[in-house]
N, C-alpha and C. Protein backbone atom coordinates (compact mmCIF):
# COMPACT_ATOMS: atom_id res chain seq x y z
N UNK A 1 120.06 102.98 100.06
CA UNK A 1 120.24 103.00 101.63
C UNK A 1 120.91 101.55 101.58
N UNK A 2 120.56 100.38 101.06
CA UNK A 2 121.04 98.89 101.31
C UNK A 2 122.56 99.39 100.82
N UNK A 3 122.54 100.16 99.73
CA UNK A 3 124.21 100.28 99.27
C UNK A 3 124.56 99.02 98.71
N UNK A 4 125.56 98.66 98.17
CA UNK A 4 126.49 97.45 97.42
C UNK A 4 126.43 96.38 97.76
N UNK A 5 126.31 96.57 99.10
CA UNK A 5 125.72 94.69 99.44
C UNK A 5 124.53 94.06 99.15
N UNK A 6 123.55 95.13 98.95
CA UNK A 6 122.05 94.83 98.56
C UNK A 6 122.46 94.69 97.33
N UNK A 7 123.09 95.40 96.12
CA UNK A 7 123.68 94.94 94.79
C UNK A 7 124.34 93.55 94.63
N UNK A 8 124.91 93.75 95.27
CA UNK A 8 125.83 92.05 95.42
C UNK A 8 124.63 90.75 95.91
N UNK A 9 123.81 91.35 96.76
CA UNK A 9 122.91 89.79 97.12
C UNK A 9 121.84 89.69 95.84
N UNK A 10 121.43 90.63 95.52
CA UNK A 10 120.42 90.65 94.13
C UNK A 10 121.28 89.87 92.88
N UNK A 11 122.40 89.71 93.21
CA UNK A 11 123.50 89.10 92.01
C UNK A 11 123.47 87.57 92.39
N UNK A 12 123.35 87.28 93.58
CA UNK A 12 123.79 85.76 94.24
C UNK A 12 124.43 85.88 95.32
N UNK A 13 125.09 87.10 95.98
CA UNK A 13 125.92 86.89 97.01
C UNK A 13 124.86 86.48 98.23
N UNK A 14 125.22 85.63 98.92
CA UNK A 14 124.64 85.16 100.22
C UNK A 14 124.67 86.49 101.33
N UNK A 15 123.32 86.95 101.83
CA UNK A 15 123.90 87.94 102.95
C UNK A 15 122.49 87.87 103.83
N UNK A 16 122.48 88.46 105.37
CA UNK A 16 121.82 88.54 106.32
C UNK A 16 121.95 89.97 106.75
N UNK A 17 120.79 90.01 108.07
CA UNK A 17 120.22 91.54 108.05
C UNK A 17 120.85 90.88 109.92
N UNK A 18 120.89 92.13 110.17
CA UNK A 18 121.39 92.19 111.56
C UNK A 18 120.75 93.24 112.17
N UNK A 19 119.97 93.18 113.12
CA UNK A 19 119.43 94.23 113.98
C UNK A 19 120.57 94.88 115.07
N UNK A 20 120.31 95.82 115.71
CA UNK A 20 121.19 96.49 116.74
C UNK A 20 120.83 95.66 118.07
N UNK A 21 120.17 94.83 118.00
CA UNK A 21 119.40 94.08 119.33
C UNK A 21 120.06 92.61 119.10
N UNK A 22 120.91 92.40 118.35
CA UNK A 22 121.38 91.15 117.93
C UNK A 22 120.82 90.16 117.23
N UNK A 23 119.48 90.67 116.79
CA UNK A 23 118.54 89.58 116.39
C UNK A 23 119.09 89.84 114.70
N UNK A 24 119.25 88.28 114.12
CA UNK A 24 120.01 88.01 112.70
C UNK A 24 118.83 87.08 111.82
N UNK A 25 118.64 87.61 110.71
CA UNK A 25 117.89 86.91 109.66
C UNK A 25 118.00 86.96 108.40
N UNK A 26 117.54 86.02 107.70
CA UNK A 26 117.94 85.85 105.92
C UNK A 26 117.37 87.09 105.22
N UNK A 27 118.07 87.74 104.62
CA UNK A 27 117.74 88.45 103.22
C UNK A 27 117.02 87.52 102.12
N UNK A 28 115.58 88.18 102.42
CA UNK A 28 114.75 87.13 101.59
C UNK A 28 115.04 87.29 99.88
N UNK A 29 116.33 87.39 99.57
CA UNK A 29 116.51 88.00 97.93
C UNK A 29 115.67 86.89 96.80
N UNK A 30 115.92 85.58 97.21
CA UNK A 30 115.27 84.90 96.17
C UNK A 30 113.40 84.65 96.27
N UNK A 31 112.86 85.36 97.15
CA UNK A 31 111.31 85.38 97.04
C UNK A 31 111.41 86.91 96.48
N UNK A 32 112.22 87.65 96.55
CA UNK A 32 111.78 89.37 95.65
C UNK A 32 112.48 88.88 94.42
N UNK A 33 113.29 87.94 94.10
CA UNK A 33 113.73 88.06 92.60
C UNK A 33 112.07 86.90 91.79
N UNK A 34 111.44 86.13 93.01
CA UNK A 34 110.33 85.61 91.91
C UNK A 34 110.76 84.37 91.61
N UNK A 35 110.15 83.98 90.82
CA UNK A 35 110.31 82.34 89.99
C UNK A 35 110.02 81.31 91.32
N UNK A 36 110.78 80.34 90.80
CA UNK A 36 110.21 79.17 92.09
C UNK A 36 110.35 79.52 93.13
N UNK A 37 111.00 80.41 93.91
CA UNK A 37 111.34 80.75 95.50
C UNK A 37 110.23 81.75 95.80
N UNK A 38 109.07 81.92 94.86
CA UNK A 38 108.72 83.26 95.03
C UNK A 38 107.54 82.72 96.40
N UNK A 39 106.75 83.73 96.96
CA UNK A 39 105.70 83.60 97.42
C UNK A 39 104.58 83.49 96.55
N UNK A 40 104.13 82.76 95.85
CA UNK A 40 103.41 82.92 95.07
C UNK A 40 101.92 83.30 95.48
N UNK A 41 101.35 82.99 96.95
CA UNK A 41 99.72 82.86 96.93
C UNK A 41 99.84 84.65 97.55
N UNK A 42 100.98 84.95 98.46
CA UNK A 42 100.73 86.33 98.35
C UNK A 42 101.17 87.17 97.04
N UNK A 43 102.08 87.08 96.12
CA UNK A 43 101.78 88.10 94.93
C UNK A 43 101.02 88.06 94.21
N UNK A 44 100.33 86.68 93.96
CA UNK A 44 99.02 87.13 93.25
C UNK A 44 97.44 87.44 93.98
N UNK A 45 97.82 87.67 95.18
CA UNK A 45 96.71 88.23 95.77
C UNK A 45 96.93 89.75 95.96
N UNK A 46 98.17 90.30 96.11
CA UNK A 46 98.42 91.59 96.12
C UNK A 46 98.35 91.75 94.94
N UNK A 47 98.74 91.41 93.68
CA UNK A 47 98.51 92.11 92.60
C UNK A 47 97.12 92.26 91.97
N UNK A 48 96.49 91.08 92.94
CA UNK A 48 95.08 90.85 92.26
C UNK A 48 94.41 92.36 93.04
N UNK A 49 94.59 92.86 94.28
CA UNK A 49 94.02 94.23 95.11
C UNK A 49 94.36 95.38 94.63
N UNK A 50 95.05 95.56 93.49
CA UNK A 50 96.24 96.65 92.76
C UNK A 50 94.70 97.02 91.39
N UNK A 51 94.29 98.20 91.78
CA UNK A 51 93.68 98.73 90.72
C UNK A 51 93.90 99.99 90.21
N UNK A 52 93.85 99.97 88.96
CA UNK A 52 94.21 101.05 87.80
C UNK A 52 95.48 101.21 88.01
N UNK A 53 96.31 102.47 87.12
CA UNK A 53 97.70 103.01 86.92
C UNK A 53 98.26 102.31 88.69
N UNK A 54 99.25 101.71 88.52
CA UNK A 54 99.37 101.22 90.36
C UNK A 54 101.21 101.96 90.23
N UNK A 55 101.86 102.40 91.19
CA UNK A 55 102.94 102.39 91.29
C UNK A 55 103.81 101.57 92.88
N UNK A 56 104.42 101.20 92.65
CA UNK A 56 105.21 99.95 93.82
C UNK A 56 106.34 101.04 94.39
N UNK A 57 106.58 101.01 95.18
CA UNK A 57 107.67 102.09 95.93
C UNK A 57 108.77 100.67 96.38
N UNK A 58 109.91 101.42 96.18
CA UNK A 58 110.99 100.18 96.98
C UNK A 58 110.45 98.57 96.01
N UNK A 59 110.52 98.65 94.63
CA UNK A 59 109.78 97.78 94.29
C UNK A 59 110.80 96.59 93.66
N UNK A 60 112.26 96.82 93.92
CA UNK A 60 113.05 95.74 93.84
C UNK A 60 113.69 95.38 92.82
N UNK A 61 113.70 94.05 92.66
CA UNK A 61 113.65 93.50 91.16
C UNK A 61 112.39 93.42 90.18
N UNK A 62 111.60 94.12 90.92
CA UNK A 62 110.12 94.27 89.82
C UNK A 62 109.39 93.06 89.94
N UNK A 63 109.16 92.31 90.50
CA UNK A 63 108.22 90.94 90.21
C UNK A 63 106.86 91.76 90.29
N UNK A 64 106.81 92.29 91.02
CA UNK A 64 105.00 92.44 91.29
C UNK A 64 104.58 93.46 90.06
N UNK A 65 105.72 94.62 89.95
CA UNK A 65 105.52 95.01 88.45
C UNK A 65 105.39 94.50 87.20
N UNK A 66 106.19 93.11 87.48
CA UNK A 66 106.23 92.37 85.96
C UNK A 66 104.79 91.74 85.99
N UNK A 67 104.38 91.50 87.14
CA UNK A 67 103.10 90.60 87.31
C UNK A 67 101.75 91.74 86.67
N UNK A 68 101.96 92.62 87.23
CA UNK A 68 101.05 94.07 86.64
C UNK A 68 100.62 94.28 85.13
N UNK A 69 101.88 94.70 84.78
CA UNK A 69 102.34 94.57 83.23
C UNK A 69 101.67 93.39 82.51
N UNK A 70 101.95 92.12 83.19
CA UNK A 70 101.34 90.87 82.23
C UNK A 70 99.56 90.98 82.57
N UNK A 71 99.25 91.58 83.22
CA UNK A 71 97.90 91.74 83.98
C UNK A 71 96.93 93.16 82.74
N UNK A 72 98.28 93.43 82.06
CA UNK A 72 98.04 95.01 81.45
C UNK A 72 97.63 95.74 82.07
N UNK A 73 97.95 95.77 83.85
CA UNK A 73 97.50 96.93 84.25
C UNK A 73 99.14 98.04 84.36
N UNK A 74 98.70 99.62 83.76
CA UNK A 74 99.65 100.20 83.65
C UNK A 74 100.29 100.49 85.17
N UNK A 75 101.61 100.03 85.18
CA UNK A 75 101.99 100.29 86.32
C UNK A 75 103.73 100.42 86.39
N UNK A 76 104.39 101.56 87.34
CA UNK A 76 105.99 101.74 87.17
C UNK A 76 106.31 101.20 89.00
N UNK A 77 107.96 101.09 88.77
CA UNK A 77 108.55 101.10 90.04
C UNK A 77 109.15 101.80 89.95
N UNK A 78 109.65 101.74 91.27
CA UNK A 78 110.81 102.82 92.17
C UNK A 78 111.65 101.84 92.80
N UNK A 79 112.92 102.58 92.74
CA UNK A 79 113.84 101.58 93.83
C UNK A 79 115.30 102.24 93.13
N UNK A 80 116.10 102.85 94.34
CA UNK A 80 117.10 103.63 94.67
C UNK A 80 118.44 102.39 94.43
N UNK A 81 118.30 101.18 93.87
CA UNK A 81 119.20 100.33 93.57
C UNK A 81 119.25 100.15 92.23
N UNK A 82 120.52 100.32 91.65
CA UNK A 82 120.92 100.11 90.46
C UNK A 82 120.48 98.97 89.59
N UNK A 83 121.06 97.92 90.33
CA UNK A 83 120.74 96.57 90.22
C UNK A 83 119.50 96.25 90.20
N UNK A 84 118.81 96.44 91.21
CA UNK A 84 117.42 96.25 91.44
C UNK A 84 116.48 97.05 89.85
N UNK A 85 117.01 97.95 89.54
CA UNK A 85 116.08 98.32 88.51
C UNK A 85 116.44 97.82 87.12
N UNK A 86 117.61 97.12 86.78
CA UNK A 86 118.19 96.93 85.88
C UNK A 86 117.93 95.58 85.87
N UNK A 87 117.55 94.53 87.08
CA UNK A 87 116.57 93.36 87.23
C UNK A 87 115.26 93.35 87.00
N UNK A 88 114.77 94.40 87.15
CA UNK A 88 112.90 94.52 86.80
C UNK A 88 112.98 95.08 85.38
N UNK A 89 113.78 95.78 85.01
CA UNK A 89 113.99 96.21 83.61
C UNK A 89 113.83 95.18 82.37
N UNK A 90 114.62 94.04 82.67
CA UNK A 90 115.06 93.11 82.10
C UNK A 90 114.00 91.84 82.44
N UNK A 91 113.02 92.20 83.59
CA UNK A 91 112.18 91.32 83.21
C UNK A 91 110.77 92.11 82.92
N UNK A 92 110.88 92.98 82.25
CA UNK A 92 109.67 93.38 81.52
C UNK A 92 108.76 94.68 82.38
N UNK A 93 109.23 94.73 83.42
CA UNK A 93 109.11 95.43 84.23
C UNK A 93 109.61 97.00 84.51
N UNK A 94 108.37 98.57 83.88
CA UNK A 94 109.62 99.66 83.95
C UNK A 94 109.54 99.75 85.39
N UNK A 95 110.75 100.48 85.41
CA UNK A 95 110.95 100.89 86.86
C UNK A 95 112.18 102.04 86.63
N UNK A 96 112.41 102.74 87.68
CA UNK A 96 112.74 104.19 87.98
C UNK A 96 113.67 103.64 88.47
N UNK A 97 115.08 104.70 88.42
CA UNK A 97 116.16 104.54 89.67
C UNK A 97 116.19 106.21 90.11
N UNK A 98 115.44 106.00 91.15
CA UNK A 98 115.29 107.38 92.11
C UNK A 98 114.45 107.20 93.54
N UNK A 99 114.86 107.62 94.29
CA UNK A 99 114.44 107.58 95.43
C UNK A 99 112.85 108.15 95.76
N UNK A 100 112.27 107.59 96.26
CA UNK A 100 110.59 107.57 96.29
C UNK A 100 110.16 108.92 96.67
N UNK A 101 111.41 110.05 97.64
CA UNK A 101 110.66 111.40 97.97
C UNK A 101 111.43 112.24 97.26
N UNK A 102 111.66 111.68 96.04
CA UNK A 102 112.17 112.74 94.90
C UNK A 102 110.92 112.99 93.93
N UNK A 103 110.79 113.98 92.89
CA UNK A 103 109.94 113.88 92.19
C UNK A 103 109.58 112.65 91.47
N UNK A 104 108.26 112.48 91.54
CA UNK A 104 108.05 110.94 90.57
C UNK A 104 106.51 111.89 89.66
N UNK A 105 106.69 110.81 88.29
CA UNK A 105 105.82 111.49 87.50
C UNK A 105 104.17 110.54 87.81
N UNK A 106 103.40 111.42 87.34
CA UNK A 106 102.11 111.23 87.99
C UNK A 106 101.61 111.57 89.57
N UNK A 107 102.09 112.28 90.10
CA UNK A 107 102.11 112.42 91.61
C UNK A 107 100.13 113.10 91.48
N UNK A 108 99.86 112.71 92.67
CA UNK A 108 98.50 112.82 92.46
C UNK A 108 97.05 112.11 91.57
N UNK A 109 97.86 110.81 91.02
CA UNK A 109 97.05 110.50 89.51
C UNK A 109 97.23 109.29 89.61
N UNK A 110 97.73 108.53 91.21
CA UNK A 110 97.63 107.20 90.55
C UNK A 110 96.75 106.81 91.39
N UNK A 111 96.11 105.38 91.15
CA UNK A 111 94.98 104.58 91.23
C UNK A 111 95.49 103.91 92.75
N UNK A 112 96.46 103.35 92.69
CA UNK A 112 97.11 102.28 93.58
C UNK A 112 98.91 102.60 93.93
N UNK A 113 98.73 102.72 95.10
CA UNK A 113 100.72 102.82 95.16
C UNK A 113 100.59 101.54 95.90
N UNK A 114 101.61 100.67 95.73
CA UNK A 114 102.06 99.40 96.67
C UNK A 114 102.94 99.81 97.55
N UNK A 115 103.23 99.25 98.63
CA UNK A 115 104.20 98.94 99.64
C UNK A 115 104.18 97.72 100.09
N UNK A 116 105.03 96.81 99.54
CA UNK A 116 105.05 95.21 99.77
C UNK A 116 106.64 95.35 100.55
N UNK A 117 106.55 93.99 100.96
CA UNK A 117 107.81 93.35 101.29
C UNK A 117 108.36 94.43 102.66
N UNK A 118 107.62 94.90 103.39
CA UNK A 118 108.09 95.73 104.72
C UNK A 118 108.52 96.82 104.41
N UNK A 119 108.29 97.72 102.88
CA UNK A 119 108.43 98.85 102.70
C UNK A 119 108.13 100.08 103.54
N UNK A 120 106.71 99.88 104.21
CA UNK A 120 105.86 100.42 104.72
C UNK A 120 107.18 101.04 105.74
N UNK A 121 108.23 100.42 106.39
CA UNK A 121 108.86 100.79 107.30
C UNK A 121 110.34 101.49 107.08
N UNK A 122 110.75 101.27 105.64
CA UNK A 122 111.81 102.39 105.09
C UNK A 122 112.35 103.64 105.70
N UNK A 123 113.39 103.57 106.09
CA UNK A 123 114.09 104.60 106.81
C UNK A 123 113.57 105.12 108.05
N UNK A 124 112.80 103.69 108.92
CA UNK A 124 112.96 104.18 110.09
C UNK A 124 111.06 104.53 110.51
N UNK A 125 110.66 105.47 109.29
CA UNK A 125 109.46 105.62 109.37
C UNK A 125 108.60 105.73 108.65
N UNK A 126 107.25 105.44 108.84
CA UNK A 126 106.35 104.84 108.85
C UNK A 126 105.40 105.82 108.27
N UNK A 127 105.17 106.74 108.78
CA UNK A 127 104.50 108.18 108.78
C UNK A 127 104.76 108.88 107.50
N UNK A 128 106.14 108.94 107.46
CA UNK A 128 106.99 109.44 106.28
C UNK A 128 106.63 109.01 104.85
N UNK A 129 106.46 107.93 104.80
CA UNK A 129 106.55 107.02 103.78
C UNK A 129 104.95 107.06 103.36
N UNK A 130 103.93 106.72 104.78
CA UNK A 130 102.48 106.43 103.93
C UNK A 130 102.16 107.70 103.75
N UNK A 131 102.61 109.05 104.17
CA UNK A 131 102.32 110.70 103.85
C UNK A 131 103.04 110.50 101.84
N UNK A 132 103.79 109.92 101.66
CA UNK A 132 104.46 109.64 100.44
C UNK A 132 103.30 109.18 99.63
N UNK A 133 102.90 108.41 100.14
CA UNK A 133 102.32 107.39 99.11
C UNK A 133 100.68 108.32 99.10
N UNK A 134 100.41 108.99 100.21
CA UNK A 134 98.92 109.76 100.11
C UNK A 134 98.96 110.93 98.96
N UNK A 135 100.14 111.68 98.89
CA UNK A 135 100.91 112.31 98.06
C UNK A 135 100.60 111.83 96.56
N UNK A 136 100.92 110.65 96.44
CA UNK A 136 100.92 110.18 95.56
C UNK A 136 99.63 109.67 94.44
N UNK A 137 98.85 110.05 95.82
CA UNK A 137 97.29 109.37 95.12
C UNK A 137 96.47 109.94 94.86
N UNK A 138 95.59 109.47 93.64
CA UNK A 138 94.35 110.47 93.26
C UNK A 138 93.24 110.41 94.56
N UNK A 139 92.26 111.21 94.13
CA UNK A 139 91.09 111.27 94.84
C UNK A 139 90.16 109.73 94.70
N UNK A 140 89.91 108.89 95.96
CA UNK A 140 89.69 108.02 95.75
C UNK A 140 90.46 106.53 95.33
N UNK A 141 91.60 107.05 95.09
CA UNK A 141 92.45 105.54 95.52
C UNK A 141 93.07 105.35 96.35
N UNK A 142 93.90 104.23 96.79
CA UNK A 142 94.41 103.39 97.49
C UNK A 142 95.56 102.75 97.61
N UNK A 143 96.07 103.14 98.80
CA UNK A 143 97.18 102.37 99.17
C UNK A 143 97.15 100.69 99.77
N UNK A 144 97.99 99.95 98.84
CA UNK A 144 97.94 98.42 99.40
C UNK A 144 99.33 98.76 99.64
N UNK A 145 99.28 98.25 101.24
CA UNK A 145 100.28 98.29 102.17
C UNK A 145 101.00 96.78 103.05
N UNK A 146 101.89 96.30 102.83
CA UNK A 146 102.17 95.16 103.84
C UNK A 146 102.56 95.41 105.26
N UNK A 147 101.71 95.03 106.50
CA UNK A 147 102.24 95.45 107.82
C UNK A 147 102.77 93.72 108.27
N UNK A 148 102.97 94.08 109.60
CA UNK A 148 103.68 92.87 110.19
C UNK A 148 103.20 92.30 110.75
N UNK A 149 102.38 91.12 111.10
CA UNK A 149 101.69 90.29 111.85
C UNK A 149 102.29 89.87 113.04
N UNK A 150 103.47 90.12 113.43
CA UNK A 150 104.28 89.67 114.61
C UNK A 150 104.67 90.62 115.47
N UNK A 151 104.46 92.15 115.06
CA UNK A 151 105.00 92.97 115.77
C UNK A 151 103.96 93.59 116.31
N UNK A 152 104.36 94.22 117.35
CA UNK A 152 102.76 94.91 118.49
C UNK A 152 103.63 96.30 118.12
N UNK A 153 102.92 97.73 117.23
CA UNK A 153 103.51 99.21 117.25
C UNK A 153 104.36 98.82 116.08
N UNK A 154 104.89 99.77 116.43
CA UNK A 154 106.26 100.32 115.77
C UNK A 154 107.25 99.89 115.98
N UNK A 155 108.03 99.16 115.82
CA UNK A 155 109.45 99.04 116.19
C UNK A 155 111.09 99.15 114.97
N UNK A 156 111.13 100.33 115.59
CA UNK A 156 112.26 101.27 115.08
C UNK A 156 113.48 101.08 115.62
N UNK A 157 114.62 100.55 114.58
CA UNK A 157 115.93 100.66 114.92
C UNK A 157 116.67 100.54 114.25
N UNK A 158 117.87 100.09 114.27
CA UNK A 158 119.13 99.84 113.15
C UNK A 158 119.43 98.66 112.92
N UNK A 159 119.77 98.56 111.62
CA UNK A 159 119.83 97.13 110.93
C UNK A 159 121.21 97.46 109.92
N UNK A 160 121.71 96.26 109.65
CA UNK A 160 122.76 96.14 108.42
C UNK A 160 123.11 94.91 107.48
N UNK A 161 123.20 94.96 106.72
CA UNK A 161 123.29 93.79 106.25
C UNK A 161 124.71 93.57 106.09
N UNK A 162 125.01 92.17 106.01
CA UNK A 162 126.20 91.20 106.06
C UNK A 162 126.27 90.04 105.60
N UNK A 163 127.50 89.82 104.61
CA UNK A 163 127.74 88.73 103.90
C UNK A 163 129.23 88.16 104.48
N UNK A 164 129.43 86.86 104.07
CA UNK A 164 130.81 86.55 105.02
C UNK A 164 131.69 86.94 104.29
N UNK A 165 132.07 88.51 103.78
CA UNK A 165 133.17 88.99 103.16
C UNK A 165 132.96 90.48 103.44
N UNK A 166 131.94 90.74 104.16
CA UNK A 166 131.60 92.26 104.30
C UNK A 166 130.45 92.53 104.91
N UNK A 167 130.98 93.60 106.11
CA UNK A 167 129.58 94.31 106.78
C UNK A 167 129.15 95.87 106.33
N UNK A 168 127.92 95.68 105.88
CA UNK A 168 127.53 96.94 105.36
C UNK A 168 127.07 97.89 106.49
N UNK A 169 126.83 99.17 106.02
CA UNK A 169 126.75 100.23 107.55
C UNK A 169 125.28 100.18 107.67
N UNK A 170 125.16 100.76 109.05
CA UNK A 170 123.51 100.57 109.45
C UNK A 170 122.78 101.46 109.10
N UNK A 171 121.65 101.43 108.80
CA UNK A 171 120.53 102.12 108.74
C UNK A 171 119.29 102.03 109.39
N UNK A 172 118.12 103.29 109.52
CA UNK A 172 117.44 102.65 110.06
C UNK A 172 115.95 102.00 109.32
N UNK A 173 115.24 101.49 110.13
CA UNK A 173 114.27 100.46 109.48
C UNK A 173 113.41 100.44 110.74
N UNK A 174 112.03 100.13 109.99
CA UNK A 174 110.86 99.65 111.41
C UNK A 174 110.27 98.24 110.80
N UNK A 175 109.88 98.01 111.65
CA UNK A 175 108.95 96.62 111.49
C UNK A 175 107.58 97.48 112.21
N UNK A 176 106.35 97.42 111.18
CA UNK A 176 105.12 97.78 111.50
C UNK A 176 104.05 97.07 111.68
N UNK A 177 103.84 96.95 113.14
CA UNK A 177 102.77 96.37 113.41
C UNK A 177 100.85 96.61 112.21
N UNK A 178 100.26 95.67 112.17
CA UNK A 178 98.79 95.73 111.92
C UNK A 178 97.83 96.13 112.81
N UNK A 179 98.48 96.00 114.01
CA UNK A 179 98.01 96.91 115.04
C UNK A 179 97.51 98.00 115.31
N UNK A 180 98.45 99.09 114.96
CA UNK A 180 98.48 100.37 114.73
C UNK A 180 98.23 101.13 113.29
N UNK A 181 97.72 99.92 112.46
CA UNK A 181 97.77 100.79 110.72
C UNK A 181 96.43 102.06 111.03
N UNK A 182 95.39 101.51 111.72
CA UNK A 182 94.55 102.70 111.67
C UNK A 182 94.92 103.99 112.24
N UNK A 183 95.57 103.86 112.83
CA UNK A 183 96.20 105.35 113.69
C UNK A 183 97.41 106.26 112.54
N UNK A 184 98.37 105.43 111.96
CA UNK A 184 99.25 105.38 111.10
C UNK A 184 98.28 106.00 109.62
N UNK A 185 97.13 105.54 109.51
CA UNK A 185 96.91 105.78 108.46
C UNK A 185 95.92 107.44 108.57
N UNK A 186 95.19 107.35 109.38
CA UNK A 186 94.66 108.53 110.28
C UNK A 186 95.21 109.77 109.93
N UNK A 187 96.40 109.80 110.72
CA UNK A 187 97.87 110.32 110.57
C UNK A 187 98.22 111.60 109.32
N UNK A 188 97.94 110.30 108.09
CA UNK A 188 98.23 110.92 106.66
C UNK A 188 97.16 111.35 105.30
N UNK A 189 95.97 111.55 106.58
CA UNK A 189 94.37 111.13 105.49
C UNK A 189 94.60 110.36 105.21
N UNK A 190 94.60 108.92 105.37
CA UNK A 190 94.05 107.37 105.15
C UNK A 190 93.10 107.39 105.88
N UNK A 191 92.45 106.51 105.32
CA UNK A 191 91.37 105.25 106.46
C UNK A 191 91.67 103.88 105.64
N UNK A 192 91.62 103.02 106.29
CA UNK A 192 91.63 101.76 106.74
C UNK A 192 90.27 101.08 105.70
N UNK A 193 89.91 100.71 104.50
CA UNK A 193 89.57 100.08 103.72
C UNK A 193 89.20 98.51 104.08
N UNK A 194 90.14 98.25 104.44
CA UNK A 194 90.22 96.70 104.69
C UNK A 194 91.17 95.76 104.52
N UNK A 195 91.54 94.79 105.52
CA UNK A 195 92.81 94.09 106.07
C UNK A 195 93.02 93.03 105.48
N UNK A 196 93.52 92.42 104.84
CA UNK A 196 93.52 90.33 104.54
C UNK A 196 94.99 89.93 104.51
N UNK A 197 94.42 88.84 105.60
CA UNK A 197 95.64 88.30 105.76
C UNK A 197 96.17 87.19 104.36
N UNK A 198 96.97 86.69 103.99
CA UNK A 198 97.69 85.99 103.03
C UNK A 198 98.40 84.89 103.50
N UNK A 199 98.49 84.06 104.11
CA UNK A 199 99.21 83.19 105.04
C UNK A 199 99.64 83.63 106.35
N UNK A 200 100.67 84.10 106.80
CA UNK A 200 101.37 84.77 107.61
C UNK A 200 101.47 85.96 107.34
N UNK A 201 101.02 86.26 106.14
CA UNK A 201 101.48 87.76 106.10
C UNK A 201 99.85 88.55 105.99
N UNK A 202 100.18 90.14 106.37
CA UNK A 202 99.00 90.58 106.20
C UNK A 202 99.03 91.75 105.68
N UNK A 203 98.14 92.58 104.59
CA UNK A 203 98.05 93.54 103.63
C UNK A 203 97.05 94.37 103.96
N UNK A 204 97.10 95.41 104.04
CA UNK A 204 95.93 96.96 104.13
C UNK A 204 95.85 97.43 103.31
N UNK A 205 94.35 97.60 102.66
CA UNK A 205 94.04 98.66 101.54
C UNK A 205 93.69 100.21 102.47
N UNK A 206 94.08 100.78 102.59
CA UNK A 206 94.15 102.47 102.84
C UNK A 206 93.72 103.15 101.65
N UNK A 207 92.62 104.06 101.71
CA UNK A 207 91.94 104.74 101.11
C UNK A 207 92.01 106.03 100.97
N UNK A 208 92.00 106.98 100.12
CA UNK A 208 92.43 108.54 99.65
C UNK A 208 90.86 109.02 99.93
N UNK A 209 91.06 109.91 100.78
CA UNK A 209 89.21 110.69 100.26
C UNK A 209 89.28 111.38 99.03
């Protein structure tokens, strides 16, 4: 979805995100890569929330998967970016170069599905993303999903990546407010088991029946 500019950002090119309403924000690549720029409190807490075999949808360079593996938790990352998957594997994180809506191993048997770093808004369709998470879960499993504490409802729009030398294509994205988590969960057959604030970020645990 992000395309070549996202891959170049992972390899060190400075990039930012432009929304169709004119808002511009930094692409937080350094925190995704982990290391000294990571949000350590967030990462540690989210990893602790994951129980049993875990699949990270939109894993990026795999920092959370790597942390899970280091804890002895069976884990797998999935990402569309070849560069992200290469970086994940180099850090010791098992990862597949695949669309999360394509067939995935263990469908219906994962204990935890992880959606961090805004990935619940992939494609501008949080219902579709959460429904996919529900399909992947076993009975009694959970989706650990990050929501936006500053957004009311679902803010869907077009965004693109830019750098000093390149402008990427527009694609759909959604910022998904924590205020609508119960309604979204119910629509896909999940229920809210808990909401946890981690600094200025917020994560919900959504339980499968």
